[in-house]
PDB file of N, CA and C in Angstrom:
ATOM      1  N   MET A   1     -55.750  23.070-149.478  1.00  0.00           N
ATOM      2  CA  MET A   1     -56.805  22.828-148.543  1.00  0.00           C
ATOM      3  C   MET A   1     -56.744  23.919-147.468  1.00  0.00           C
ATOM      4  N   THR A   2     -57.877  24.567-147.220  1.00  0.00           N
ATOM      5  CA  THR A   2     -57.943  25.597-146.184  1.00  0.00           C
ATOM      6  C   THR A   2     -58.521  24.987-144.922  1.00  0.00           C
ATOM      7  N   ARG A   3     -57.988  25.444-143.802  1.00  0.00           N
ATOM      8  CA  ARG A   3     -58.463  24.916-142.525  1.00  0.00           C
ATOM      9  C   ARG A   3     -59.135  26.031-141.759  1.00  0.00           C
ATOM     10  N   ASN A   4     -60.323  25.763-141.297  1.00  0.00           N
ATOM     11  CA  ASN A   4     -61.046  26.705-140.450  1.00  0.00           C
ATOM     12  C   ASN A   4     -61.178  26.085-139.067  1.00  0.00           C
ATOM     13  N   GLY A   5     -61.043  26.905-138.019  1.00  0.00           N
ATOM     14  CA  GLY A   5     -61.213  26.396-136.663  1.00  0.00           C
ATOM     15  C   GLY A   5     -59.883  26.190-135.972  1.00  0.00           C
ATOM     16  N   PHE A   6     -59.945  25.479-134.854  1.00  0.00           N
ATOM     17  CA  PHE A   6     -58.774  25.273-134.011  1.00  0.00           C
ATOM     18  C   PHE A   6     -58.427  23.797-133.980  1.00  0.00           C
ATOM     19  N   THR A   7     -57.149  23.529-133.723  1.00  0.00           N
ATOM     20  CA  THR A   7     -56.733  22.139-133.582  1.00  0.00           C
ATOM     21  C   THR A   7     -57.073  21.660-132.170  1.00  0.00           C
ATOM     22  N   LEU A   8     -56.991  20.382-131.984  1.00  0.00           N
ATOM     23  CA  LEU A   8     -57.306  19.800-130.683  1.00  0.00           C
ATOM     24  C   LEU A   8     -56.357  20.311-129.602  1.00  0.00           C
ATOM     25  N   ILE A   9     -55.085  20.428-129.898  1.00  0.00           N
ATOM     26  CA  ILE A   9     -54.126  20.904-128.895  1.00  0.00           C
ATOM     27  C   ILE A   9     -54.408  22.356-128.519  1.00  0.00           C
ATOM     28  N   GLU A  10     -54.810  23.174-129.467  1.00  0.00           N
ATOM     29  CA  GLU A  10     -55.160  24.566-129.157  1.00  0.00           C
ATOM     30  C   GLU A  10     -56.378  24.625-128.233  1.00  0.00           C
ATOM     31  N   MET A  11     -57.332  23.775-128.470  1.00  0.00           N
ATOM     32  CA  MET A  11     -58.517  23.737-127.607  1.00  0.00           C
ATOM     33  C   MET A  11     -58.155  23.278-126.193  1.00  0.00           C
ATOM     34  N   LEU A  12     -57.287  22.270-126.084  1.00  0.00           N
ATOM     35  CA  LEU A  12     -56.874  21.796-124.763  1.00  0.00           C
ATOM     36  C   LEU A  12     -56.107  22.870-123.989  1.00  0.00           C
ATOM     37  N   VAL A  13     -55.252  23.617-124.666  1.00  0.00           N
ATOM     38  CA  VAL A  13     -54.517  24.701-124.010  1.00  0.00           C
ATOM     39  C   VAL A  13     -55.489  25.773-123.530  1.00  0.00           C
ATOM     40  N   ALA A  14     -56.445  26.147-124.373  1.00  0.00           N
ATOM     41  CA  ALA A  14     -57.423  27.171-123.993  1.00  0.00           C
ATOM     42  C   ALA A  14     -58.268  26.708-122.805  1.00  0.00           C
ATOM     43  N   LEU A  15     -58.710  25.454-122.820  1.00  0.00           N
ATOM     44  CA  LEU A  15     -59.505  24.931-121.707  1.00  0.00           C
ATOM     45  C   LEU A  15     -58.700  24.876-120.412  1.00  0.00           C
ATOM     46  N   SER A  16     -57.420  24.518-120.504  1.00  0.00           N
ATOM     47  CA  SER A  16     -56.602  24.479-119.289  1.00  0.00           C
ATOM     48  C   SER A  16     -56.397  25.882-118.724  1.00  0.00           C
ATOM     49  N   LEU A  17     -56.257  26.883-119.579  1.00  0.00           N
ATOM     50  CA  LEU A  17     -56.141  28.262-119.097  1.00  0.00           C
ATOM     51  C   LEU A  17     -57.425  28.714-118.415  1.00  0.00           C
ATOM     52  N   PHE A  18     -58.560  28.386-118.981  1.00  0.00           N
ATOM     53  CA  PHE A  18     -59.837  28.733-118.343  1.00  0.00           C
ATOM     54  C   PHE A  18     -59.996  28.013-117.000  1.00  0.00           C
ATOM     55  N   ALA A  19     -59.553  26.760-116.925  1.00  0.00           N
ATOM     56  CA  ALA A  19     -59.658  26.009-115.673  1.00  0.00           C
ATOM     57  C   ALA A  19     -58.776  26.632-114.588  1.00  0.00           C
ATOM     58  N   ILE A  20     -57.571  27.038-114.957  1.00  0.00           N
ATOM     59  CA  ILE A  20     -56.679  27.685-113.986  1.00  0.00           C
ATOM     60  C   ILE A  20     -57.283  28.996-113.502  1.00  0.00           C
ATOM     61  N   ALA A  21     -57.859  29.773-114.410  1.00  0.00           N
ATOM     62  CA  ALA A  21     -58.494  31.037-114.019  1.00  0.00           C
ATOM     63  C   ALA A  21     -59.684  30.785-113.092  1.00  0.00           C
ATOM     64  N   ALA A  22     -60.473  29.756-113.374  1.00  0.00           N
ATOM     65  CA  ALA A  22     -61.626  29.445-112.524  1.00  0.00           C
ATOM     66  C   ALA A  22     -61.176  29.012-111.128  1.00  0.00           C
ATOM     67  N   LEU A  23     -60.114  28.216-111.039  1.00  0.00           N
ATOM     68  CA  LEU A  23     -59.595  27.806-109.731  1.00  0.00           C
ATOM     69  C   LEU A  23     -59.061  29.002-108.947  1.00  0.00           C
ATOM     70  N   ALA A  24     -58.404  29.924-109.628  1.00  0.00           N
ATOM     71  CA  ALA A  24     -57.903  31.124-108.951  1.00  0.00           C
ATOM     72  C   ALA A  24     -59.060  31.954-108.410  1.00  0.00           C
ATOM     73  N   LEU A  25     -60.132  32.075-109.169  1.00  0.00           N
ATOM     74  CA  LEU A  25     -61.301  32.820-108.691  1.00  0.00           C
ATOM     75  C   LEU A  25     -61.955  32.122-107.499  1.00  0.00           C
ATOM     76  N   ALA A  26     -61.990  30.795-107.521  1.00  0.00           N
ATOM     77  CA  ALA A  26     -62.572  30.061-106.396  1.00  0.00           C
ATOM     78  C   ALA A  26     -61.745  30.262-105.128  1.00  0.00           C
ATOM     79  N   ARG A  27     -60.421  30.263-105.255  1.00  0.00           N
ATOM     80  CA  ARG A  27     -59.562  30.510-104.084  1.00  0.00           C
ATOM     81  C   ARG A  27     -59.738  31.921-103.567  1.00  0.00           C
ATOM     82  N   LEU A  28     -59.862  32.875-104.465  1.00  0.00           N
ATOM     83  CA  LEU A  28     -60.064  34.265-104.063  1.00  0.00           C
ATOM     84  C   LEU A  28     -61.382  34.415-103.322  1.00  0.00           C
ATOM     85  N   ASP A  29     -62.413  33.725-103.779  1.00  0.00           N
ATOM     86  CA  ASP A  29     -63.712  33.784-103.115  1.00  0.00           C
ATOM     87  C   ASP A  29     -63.629  33.185-101.711  1.00  0.00           C
ATOM     88  N   ALA A  30     -62.944  32.064-101.565  1.00  0.00           N
ATOM     89  CA  ALA A  30     -62.788  31.447-100.246  1.00  0.00           C
ATOM     90  C   ALA A  30     -62.000  32.362 -99.313  1.00  0.00           C
ATOM     91  N   PHE A  31     -60.986  33.029 -99.822  1.00  0.00           N
ATOM     92  CA  PHE A  31     -60.211  33.974 -99.014  1.00  0.00           C
ATOM     93  C   PHE A  31     -61.083  35.144 -98.576  1.00  0.00           C
ATOM     94  N   ALA A  32     -61.920  35.652 -99.472  1.00  0.00           N
ATOM     95  CA  ALA A  32     -62.804  36.773 -99.135  1.00  0.00           C
ATOM     96  C   ALA A  32     -63.811  36.374 -98.059  1.00  0.00           C
ATOM     97  N   ILE A  33     -64.326  35.158 -98.136  1.00  0.00           N
ATOM     98  CA  ILE A  33     -65.277  34.688 -97.120  1.00  0.00           C
ATOM     99  C   ILE A  33     -64.582  34.577 -95.765  1.00  0.00           C
ATOM    100  N   GLY A  34     -63.370  34.041 -95.742  1.00  0.00           N
ATOM    101  CA  GLY A  34     -62.615  33.942 -94.491  1.00  0.00           C
ATOM    102  C   GLY A  34     -62.291  35.307 -93.907  1.00  0.00           C
ATOM    103  N   THR A  35     -61.941  36.252 -94.763  1.00  0.00           N
ATOM    104  CA  THR A  35     -61.644  37.605 -94.303  1.00  0.00           C
ATOM    105  C   THR A  35     -62.884  38.266 -93.722  1.00  0.00           C
ATOM    106  N   ALA A  36     -64.026  38.063 -94.342  1.00  0.00           N
ATOM    107  CA  ALA A  36     -65.272  38.644 -93.830  1.00  0.00           C
ATOM    108  C   ALA A  36     -65.622  38.055 -92.465  1.00  0.00           C
ATOM    109  N   ALA A  37     -65.395  36.760 -92.280  1.00  0.00           N
ATOM    110  CA  ALA A  37     -65.675  36.133 -90.983  1.00  0.00           C
ATOM    111  C   ALA A  37     -64.737  36.675 -89.907  1.00  0.00           C
ATOM    112  N   ASP A  38     -63.455  36.855 -90.243  1.00  0.00           N
ATOM    113  CA  ASP A  38     -62.510  37.430 -89.279  1.00  0.00           C
ATOM    114  C   ASP A  38     -62.896  38.854 -88.913  1.00  0.00           C
ATOM    115  N   LEU A  39     -63.319  39.618 -89.894  1.00  0.00           N
ATOM    116  CA  LEU A  39     -63.739  40.997 -89.642  1.00  0.00           C
ATOM    117  C   LEU A  39     -64.955  41.030 -88.723  1.00  0.00           C
ATOM    118  N   ARG A  40     -65.903  40.118 -88.935  1.00  0.00           N
ATOM    119  CA  ARG A  40     -67.083  40.056 -88.075  1.00  0.00           C
ATOM    120  C   ARG A  40     -66.693  39.729 -86.636  1.00  0.00           C
ATOM    121  N   ASP A  41     -65.811  38.734 -86.460  1.00  0.00           N
ATOM    122  CA  ASP A  41     -65.383  38.345 -85.117  1.00  0.00           C
ATOM    123  C   ASP A  41     -64.649  39.484 -84.414  1.00  0.00           C
ATOM    124  N   ASN A  42     -63.751  40.159 -85.132  1.00  0.00           N
ATOM    125  CA  ASN A  42     -63.038  41.295 -84.543  1.00  0.00           C
ATOM    126  C   ASN A  42     -63.998  42.411 -84.165  1.00  0.00           C
ATOM    127  N   SER A  43     -64.969  42.677 -85.030  1.00  0.00           N
ATOM    128  CA  SER A  43     -65.929  43.751 -84.765  1.00  0.00           C
ATOM    129  C   SER A  43     -66.787  43.436 -83.547  1.00  0.00           C
ATOM    130  N   LEU A  44     -67.220  42.192 -83.410  1.00  0.00           N
ATOM    131  CA  LEU A  44     -68.046  41.829 -82.257  1.00  0.00           C
ATOM    132  C   LEU A  44     -67.260  41.938 -80.951  1.00  0.00           C
ATOM    133  N   SER A  45     -66.014  41.489 -80.949  1.00  0.00           N
ATOM    134  CA  SER A  45     -65.193  41.608 -79.741  1.00  0.00           C
ATOM    135  C   SER A  45     -64.991  43.076 -79.379  1.00  0.00           C
ATOM    136  N   ARG A  46     -64.733  43.890 -80.381  1.00  0.00           N
ATOM    137  CA  ARG A  46     -64.532  45.327 -80.138  1.00  0.00           C
ATOM    138  C   ARG A  46     -65.816  45.966 -79.617  1.00  0.00           C
ATOM    139  N   LEU A  47     -66.945  45.572 -80.174  1.00  0.00           N
ATOM    140  CA  LEU A  47     -68.226  46.124 -79.733  1.00  0.00           C
ATOM    141  C   LEU A  47     -68.512  45.760 -78.277  1.00  0.00           C
ATOM    142  N   VAL A  48     -68.224  44.529 -77.892  1.00  0.00           N
ATOM    143  CA  VAL A  48     -68.452  44.103 -76.506  1.00  0.00           C
ATOM    144  C   VAL A  48     -67.582  44.916 -75.556  1.00  0.00           C
ATOM    145  N   VAL A  49     -66.309  45.079 -75.877  1.00  0.00           N
ATOM    146  CA  VAL A  49     -65.413  45.804 -74.975  1.00  0.00           C
ATOM    147  C   VAL A  49     -65.807  47.285 -74.901  1.00  0.00           C
ATOM    148  N   GLU A  50     -66.287  47.865 -76.000  1.00  0.00           N
ATOM    149  CA  GLU A  50     -66.737  49.259 -75.965  1.00  0.00           C
ATOM    150  C   GLU A  50     -68.034  49.402 -75.173  1.00  0.00           C
ATOM    151  N   ASN A  51     -68.922  48.415 -75.258  1.00  0.00           N
ATOM    152  CA  ASN A  51     -70.141  48.444 -74.441  1.00  0.00           C
ATOM    153  C   ASN A  51     -69.803  48.383 -72.954  1.00  0.00           C
ATOM    154  N   GLU A  52     -68.879  47.510 -72.593  1.00  0.00           N
ATOM    155  CA  GLU A  52     -68.487  47.403 -71.189  1.00  0.00           C
ATOM    156  C   GLU A  52     -67.830  48.695 -70.711  1.00  0.00           C
ATOM    157  N   ALA A  53     -67.048  49.338 -71.569  1.00  0.00           N
ATOM    158  CA  ALA A  53     -66.431  50.618 -71.200  1.00  0.00           C
ATOM    159  C   ALA A  53     -67.495  51.689 -70.997  1.00  0.00           C
ATOM    160  N   ALA A  54     -68.521  51.696 -71.831  1.00  0.00           N
ATOM    161  CA  ALA A  54     -69.608  52.670 -71.669  1.00  0.00           C
ATOM    162  C   ALA A  54     -70.347  52.440 -70.356  1.00  0.00           C
ATOM    163  N   LEU A  55     -70.547  51.179 -69.994  1.00  0.00           N
ATOM    164  CA  LEU A  55     -71.190  50.884 -68.710  1.00  0.00           C
ATOM    165  C   LEU A  55     -70.337  51.374 -67.538  1.00  0.00           C
ATOM    166  N   LEU A  56     -69.021  51.205 -67.645  1.00  0.00           N
ATOM    167  CA  LEU A  56     -68.133  51.678 -66.581  1.00  0.00           C
ATOM    168  C   LEU A  56     -68.141  53.201 -66.475  1.00  0.00           C
ATOM    169  N   ARG A  57     -68.132  53.867 -67.625  1.00  0.00           N
ATOM    170  CA  ARG A  57     -68.126  55.334 -67.613  1.00  0.00           C
ATOM    171  C   ARG A  57     -69.393  55.899 -66.986  1.00  0.00           C
ATOM    172  N   SER A  58     -70.502  55.217 -67.178  1.00  0.00           N
ATOM    173  CA  SER A  58     -71.774  55.736 -66.665  1.00  0.00           C
ATOM    174  C   SER A  58     -72.070  55.287 -65.233  1.00  0.00           C
ATOM    175  N   ASP A  59     -71.241  54.420 -64.677  1.00  0.00           N
ATOM    176  CA  ASP A  59     -71.448  53.936 -63.308  1.00  0.00           C
ATOM    177  C   ASP A  59     -70.713  54.854 -62.327  1.00  0.00           C
ATOM    178  N   PRO A  60     -71.434  55.513 -61.422  1.00  0.00           N
ATOM    179  CA  PRO A  60     -70.769  56.437 -60.499  1.00  0.00           C
ATOM    180  C   PRO A  60     -70.089  55.739 -59.320  1.00  0.00           C
ATOM    181  N   GLY A  61     -70.206  54.436 -59.224  1.00  0.00           N
ATOM    182  CA  GLY A  61     -69.672  53.712 -58.072  1.00  0.00           C
ATOM    183  C   GLY A  61     -68.155  53.674 -58.035  1.00  0.00           C
ATOM    184  N   THR A  62     -67.645  53.220 -56.905  1.00  0.00           N
ATOM    185  CA  THR A  62     -66.206  53.087 -56.699  1.00  0.00           C
ATOM    186  C   THR A  62     -65.763  51.695 -57.143  1.00  0.00           C
ATOM    187  N   LEU A  63     -64.637  51.638 -57.838  1.00  0.00           N
ATOM    188  CA  LEU A  63     -64.078  50.361 -58.293  1.00  0.00           C
ATOM    189  C   LEU A  63     -62.917  49.963 -57.395  1.00  0.00           C
ATOM    190  N   ASP A  64     -62.900  48.712 -56.969  1.00  0.00           N
ATOM    191  CA  ASP A  64     -61.775  48.187 -56.201  1.00  0.00           C
ATOM    192  C   ASP A  64     -60.682  47.747 -57.161  1.00  0.00           C
ATOM    193  N   THR A  65     -59.425  47.963 -56.770  1.00  0.00           N
ATOM    194  CA  THR A  65     -58.330  47.523 -57.625  1.00  0.00           C
ATOM    195  C   THR A  65     -58.280  45.999 -57.632  1.00  0.00           C
ATOM    196  N   GLY A  66     -57.802  45.462 -58.734  1.00  0.00           N
ATOM    197  CA  GLY A  66     -57.716  44.015 -58.894  1.00  0.00           C
ATOM    198  C   GLY A  66     -58.244  43.595 -60.254  1.00  0.00           C
ATOM    199  N   GLU A  67     -58.342  42.295 -60.432  1.00  0.00           N
ATOM    200  CA  GLU A  67     -58.777  41.747 -61.718  1.00  0.00           C
ATOM    201  C   GLU A  67     -59.978  40.842 -61.508  1.00  0.00           C
ATOM    202  N   GLY A  68     -60.902  40.891 -62.441  1.00  0.00           N
ATOM    203  CA  GLY A  68     -62.085  40.043 -62.384  1.00  0.00           C
ATOM    204  C   GLY A  68     -62.511  39.613 -63.772  1.00  0.00           C
ATOM    205  N   THR A  69     -63.204  38.498 -63.840  1.00  0.00           N
ATOM    206  CA  THR A  69     -63.690  37.963 -65.107  1.00  0.00           C
ATOM    207  C   THR A  69     -65.183  37.709 -64.988  1.00  0.00           C
ATOM    208  N   TYR A  70     -65.914  38.061 -66.026  1.00  0.00           N
ATOM    209  CA  TYR A  70     -67.354  37.828 -66.057  1.00  0.00           C
ATOM    210  C   TYR A  70     -67.787  37.611 -67.499  1.00  0.00           C
ATOM    211  N   GLY A  71     -69.028  37.218 -67.689  1.00  0.00           N
ATOM    212  CA  GLY A  71     -69.544  36.917 -69.015  1.00  0.00           C
ATOM    213  C   GLY A  71     -70.391  38.043 -69.576  1.00  0.00           C
ATOM    214  N   ALA A  72     -70.430  38.113 -70.886  1.00  0.00           N
ATOM    215  CA  ALA A  72     -71.293  39.053 -71.605  1.00  0.00           C
ATOM    216  C   ALA A  72     -71.786  38.336 -72.853  1.00  0.00           C
ATOM    217  N   ARG A  73     -72.935  38.752 -73.356  1.00  0.00           N
ATOM    218  CA  ARG A  73     -73.514  38.119 -74.546  1.00  0.00           C
ATOM    219  C   ARG A  73     -73.861  39.209 -75.550  1.00  0.00           C
ATOM    220  N   ASN A  74     -73.463  38.990 -76.796  1.00  0.00           N
ATOM    221  CA  ASN A  74     -73.764  39.932 -77.864  1.00  0.00           C
ATOM    222  C   ASN A  74     -73.925  39.159 -79.171  1.00  0.00           C
ATOM    223  N   ALA A  75     -74.980  39.467 -79.907  1.00  0.00           N
ATOM    224  CA  ALA A  75     -75.261  38.830 -81.201  1.00  0.00           C
ATOM    225  C   ALA A  75     -75.351  37.311 -81.065  1.00  0.00           C
ATOM    226  N   GLY A  76     -75.852  36.838 -79.926  1.00  0.00           N
ATOM    227  CA  GLY A  76     -76.002  35.407 -79.715  1.00  0.00           C
ATOM    228  C   GLY A  76     -74.710  34.682 -79.398  1.00  0.00           C
ATOM    229  N   ILE A  77     -73.637  35.428 -79.155  1.00  0.00           N
ATOM    230  CA  ILE A  77     -72.335  34.829 -78.864  1.00  0.00           C
ATOM    231  C   ILE A  77     -71.951  35.192 -77.438  1.00  0.00           C
ATOM    232  N   ASP A  78     -71.477  34.203 -76.682  1.00  0.00           N
ATOM    233  CA  ASP A  78     -71.015  34.447 -75.315  1.00  0.00           C
ATOM    234  C   ASP A  78     -69.563  34.912 -75.342  1.00  0.00           C
ATOM    235  N   PHE A  79     -69.279  35.938 -74.553  1.00  0.00           N
ATOM    236  CA  PHE A  79     -67.935  36.494 -74.449  1.00  0.00           C
ATOM    237  C   PHE A  79     -67.461  36.419 -73.009  1.00  0.00           C
ATOM    238  N   VAL A  80     -66.157  36.284 -72.837  1.00  0.00           N
ATOM    239  CA  VAL A  80     -65.522  36.367 -71.526  1.00  0.00           C
ATOM    240  C   VAL A  80     -64.853  37.737 -71.455  1.00  0.00           C
ATOM    241  N   VAL A  81     -65.252  38.518 -70.468  1.00  0.00           N
ATOM    242  CA  VAL A  81     -64.705  39.863 -70.299  1.00  0.00           C
ATOM    243  C   VAL A  81     -63.813  39.861 -69.066  1.00  0.00           C
ATOM    244  N   THR A  82     -62.594  40.340 -69.228  1.00  0.00           N
ATOM    245  CA  THR A  82     -61.655  40.472 -68.119  1.00  0.00           C
ATOM    246  C   THR A  82     -61.467  41.956 -67.830  1.00  0.00           C
ATOM    247  N   ARG A  83     -61.683  42.326 -66.577  1.00  0.00           N
ATOM    248  CA  ARG A  83     -61.531  43.726 -66.169  1.00  0.00           C
ATOM    249  C   ARG A  83     -60.418  43.809 -65.135  1.00  0.00           C
ATOM    250  N   SER A  84     -59.450  44.659 -65.407  1.00  0.00           N
ATOM    251  CA  SER A  84     -58.335  44.875 -64.493  1.00  0.00           C
ATOM    252  C   SER A  84     -58.336  46.344 -64.086  1.00  0.00           C
ATOM    253  N   VAL A  85     -58.405  46.583 -62.782  1.00  0.00           N
ATOM    254  CA  VAL A  85     -58.448  47.948 -62.255  1.00  0.00           C
ATOM    255  C   VAL A  85     -57.157  48.200 -61.487  1.00  0.00           C
ATOM    256  N   ALA A  86     -56.461  49.279 -61.851  1.00  0.00           N
ATOM    257  CA  ALA A  86     -55.201  49.630 -61.189  1.00  0.00           C
ATOM    258  C   ALA A  86     -55.259  51.076 -60.715  1.00  0.00           C
ATOM    259  N   ALA A  87     -54.554  51.336 -59.634  1.00  0.00           N
ATOM    260  CA  ALA A  87     -54.494  52.697 -59.099  1.00  0.00           C
ATOM    261  C   ALA A  87     -53.618  53.568 -59.998  1.00  0.00           C
ATOM    262  N   THR A  88     -53.866  54.866 -59.947  1.00  0.00           N
ATOM    263  CA  THR A  88     -53.049  55.845 -60.667  1.00  0.00           C
ATOM    264  C   THR A  88     -52.358  56.733 -59.636  1.00  0.00           C
ATOM    265  N   PRO A  89     -51.387  57.537 -60.055  1.00  0.00           N
ATOM    266  CA  PRO A  89     -50.748  58.448 -59.101  1.00  0.00           C
ATOM    267  C   PRO A  89     -51.741  59.405 -58.434  1.00  0.00           C
ATOM    268  N   ASP A  90     -52.797  59.750 -59.138  1.00  0.00           N
ATOM    269  CA  ASP A  90     -53.841  60.594 -58.556  1.00  0.00           C
ATOM    270  C   ASP A  90     -54.900  59.666 -57.957  1.00  0.00           C
ATOM    271  N   PRO A  91     -55.104  59.687 -56.642  1.00  0.00           N
ATOM    272  CA  PRO A  91     -56.030  58.730 -56.022  1.00  0.00           C
ATOM    273  C   PRO A  91     -57.492  58.915 -56.435  1.00  0.00           C
ATOM    274  N   ARG A  92     -57.811  60.016 -57.101  1.00  0.00           N
ATOM    275  CA  ARG A  92     -59.194  60.220 -57.544  1.00  0.00           C
ATOM    276  C   ARG A  92     -59.526  59.409 -58.793  1.00  0.00           C
ATOM    277  N   PHE A  93     -58.508  58.876 -59.471  1.00  0.00           N
ATOM    278  CA  PHE A  93     -58.711  58.172 -60.731  1.00  0.00           C
ATOM    279  C   PHE A  93     -58.171  56.749 -60.655  1.00  0.00           C
ATOM    280  N   VAL A  94     -58.743  55.880 -61.475  1.00  0.00           N
ATOM    281  CA  VAL A  94     -58.241  54.511 -61.632  1.00  0.00           C
ATOM    282  C   VAL A  94     -58.079  54.224 -63.122  1.00  0.00           C
ATOM    283  N   GLN A  95     -57.153  53.325 -63.414  1.00  0.00           N
ATOM    284  CA  GLN A  95     -56.950  52.874 -64.791  1.00  0.00           C
ATOM    285  C   GLN A  95     -57.635  51.525 -64.940  1.00  0.00           C
ATOM    286  N   VAL A  96     -58.491  51.409 -65.946  1.00  0.00           N
ATOM    287  CA  VAL A  96     -59.248  50.177 -66.165  1.00  0.00           C
ATOM    288  C   VAL A  96     -58.853  49.595 -67.519  1.00  0.00           C
ATOM    289  N   SER A  97     -58.510  48.325 -67.526  1.00  0.00           N
ATOM    290  CA  SER A  97     -58.207  47.599 -68.756  1.00  0.00           C
ATOM    291  C   SER A  97     -59.293  46.549 -68.960  1.00  0.00           C
ATOM    292  N   LEU A  98     -59.928  46.582 -70.118  1.00  0.00           N
ATOM    293  CA  LEU A  98     -60.994  45.632 -70.447  1.00  0.00           C
ATOM    294  C   LEU A  98     -60.562  44.787 -71.638  1.00  0.00           C
ATOM    295  N   THR A  99     -60.772  43.484 -71.536  1.00  0.00           N
ATOM    296  CA  THR A  99     -60.495  42.577 -72.644  1.00  0.00           C
ATOM    297  C   THR A  99     -61.706  41.681 -72.839  1.00  0.00           C
ATOM    298  N   ALA A 100     -62.170  41.581 -74.080  1.00  0.00           N
ATOM    299  CA  ALA A 100     -63.304  40.710 -74.410  1.00  0.00           C
ATOM    300  C   ALA A 100     -62.860  39.701 -75.458  1.00  0.00           C
ATOM    301  N   GLN A 101     -63.223  38.435 -75.229  1.00  0.00           N
ATOM    302  CA  GLN A 101     -62.899  37.363 -76.165  1.00  0.00           C
ATOM    303  C   GLN A 101     -64.069  36.398 -76.220  1.00  0.00           C
ATOM    304  N   PRO A 102     -64.413  35.897 -77.413  1.00  0.00           N
ATOM    305  CA  PRO A 102     -65.486  34.901 -77.483  1.00  0.00           C
ATOM    306  C   PRO A 102     -65.156  33.697 -76.602  1.00  0.00           C
ATOM    307  N   ALA A 103     -66.178  33.167 -75.936  1.00  0.00           N
ATOM    308  CA  ALA A 103     -65.970  32.041 -75.024  1.00  0.00           C
ATOM    309  C   ALA A 103     -65.467  30.805 -75.760  1.00  0.00           C
ATOM    310  N   VAL A 104     -65.828  30.656 -77.023  1.00  0.00           N
ATOM    311  CA  VAL A 104     -65.409  29.484 -77.793  1.00  0.00           C
ATOM    312  C   VAL A 104     -64.062  29.697 -78.465  1.00  0.00           C
ATOM    313  N   GLY A 105     -63.441  30.840 -78.222  1.00  0.00           N
ATOM    314  CA  GLY A 105     -62.158  31.155 -78.838  1.00  0.00           C
ATOM    315  C   GLY A 105     -62.341  32.073 -80.028  1.00  0.00           C
ATOM    316  N   GLY A 106     -61.356  32.851 -80.274  1.00  0.00           N
ATOM    317  CA  GLY A 106     -61.411  33.809 -81.363  1.00  0.00           C
ATOM    318  C   GLY A 106     -60.624  35.047 -80.995  1.00  0.00           C
ATOM    319  N   PRO A 107     -60.691  36.056 -81.838  1.00  0.00           N
ATOM    320  CA  PRO A 107     -59.903  37.260 -81.590  1.00  0.00           C
ATOM    321  C   PRO A 107     -60.429  38.045 -80.395  1.00  0.00           C
ATOM    322  N   SER A 108     -59.508  38.600 -79.635  1.00  0.00           N
ATOM    323  CA  SER A 108     -59.899  39.406 -78.482  1.00  0.00           C
ATOM    324  C   SER A 108     -59.704  40.884 -78.805  1.00  0.00           C
ATOM    325  N   ALA A 109     -60.363  41.719 -78.023  1.00  0.00           N
ATOM    326  CA  ALA A 109     -60.217  43.169 -78.144  1.00  0.00           C
ATOM    327  C   ALA A 109     -59.924  43.715 -76.760  1.00  0.00           C
ATOM    328  N   THR A 110     -59.015  44.670 -76.687  1.00  0.00           N
ATOM    329  CA  THR A 110     -58.630  45.269 -75.416  1.00  0.00           C
ATOM    330  C   THR A 110     -58.806  46.777 -75.494  1.00  0.00           C
ATOM    331  N   LEU A 111     -59.275  47.343 -74.391  1.00  0.00           N
ATOM    332  CA  LEU A 111     -59.480  48.788 -74.307  1.00  0.00           C
ATOM    333  C   LEU A 111     -59.043  49.235 -72.918  1.00  0.00           C
ATOM    334  N   MET A 112     -58.286  50.321 -72.862  1.00  0.00           N
ATOM    335  CA  MET A 112     -57.867  50.885 -71.577  1.00  0.00           C
ATOM    336  C   MET A 112     -58.482  52.262 -71.433  1.00  0.00           C
ATOM    337  N   LEU A 113     -58.905  52.571 -70.207  1.00  0.00           N
ATOM    338  CA  LEU A 113     -59.466  53.886 -69.946  1.00  0.00           C
ATOM    339  C   LEU A 113     -59.115  54.309 -68.533  1.00  0.00           C
ATOM    340  N   VAL A 114     -59.172  55.607 -68.314  1.00  0.00           N
ATOM    341  CA  VAL A 114     -58.972  56.169 -66.988  1.00  0.00           C
ATOM    342  C   VAL A 114     -60.267  56.860 -66.616  1.00  0.00           C
ATOM    343  N   ARG A 115     -60.767  56.569 -65.436  1.00  0.00           N
ATOM    344  CA  ARG A 115     -62.017  57.190 -65.000  1.00  0.00           C
ATOM    345  C   ARG A 115     -61.906  57.627 -63.549  1.00  0.00           C
ATOM    346  N   ARG A 116     -62.764  58.548 -63.214  1.00  0.00           N
ATOM    347  CA  ARG A 116     -62.835  59.022 -61.832  1.00  0.00           C
ATOM    348  C   ARG A 116     -63.397  57.886 -60.980  1.00  0.00           C
ATOM    349  N   ASN A 117     -62.808  57.661 -59.836  1.00  0.00           N
ATOM    350  CA  ASN A 117     -63.243  56.567 -58.977  1.00  0.00           C
ATOM    351  C   ASN A 117     -64.217  57.093 -57.931  1.00  0.00           C
ATOM    352  N   GLY A 118     -65.446  56.740 -58.111  1.00  0.00           N
ATOM    353  CA  GLY A 118     -66.489  57.167 -57.171  1.00  0.00           C
ATOM    354  C   GLY A 118     -67.072  58.517 -57.560  1.00  0.00           C
ATOM    355  N   GLY A 119     -68.110  58.924 -56.819  1.00  0.00           N
ATOM    356  CA  GLY A 119     -68.846  60.145 -57.121  1.00  0.00           C
ATOM    357  C   GLY A 119     -68.058  61.349 -56.821  1.00  0.00           C
TER     358      GLY A 119
END
């Protein structure tokens, strides 16, 4: 007697292997979605802090030393921006540290720059 086809146990083994592969692909997809969301959040925080730095660079006014917090909005998301101004050995310049973080929590971005203080 010749047998053509697969036995039931062979089919069950093959189906279980396909199921494991499908679950692995589903986990990989969920990881990729989470990574993309983290990348978006990091990029938005970085963009906000770079925008604030550009505003500081283009402002000819004098900055007082100290720390302050204010709000900014980008892409429909509210951010908390912290600006810290410190004196440098050269009194013509100040060191500015900017940190932006989403108001609802998330990754923050920090940028430090040195700029001429006043006109």
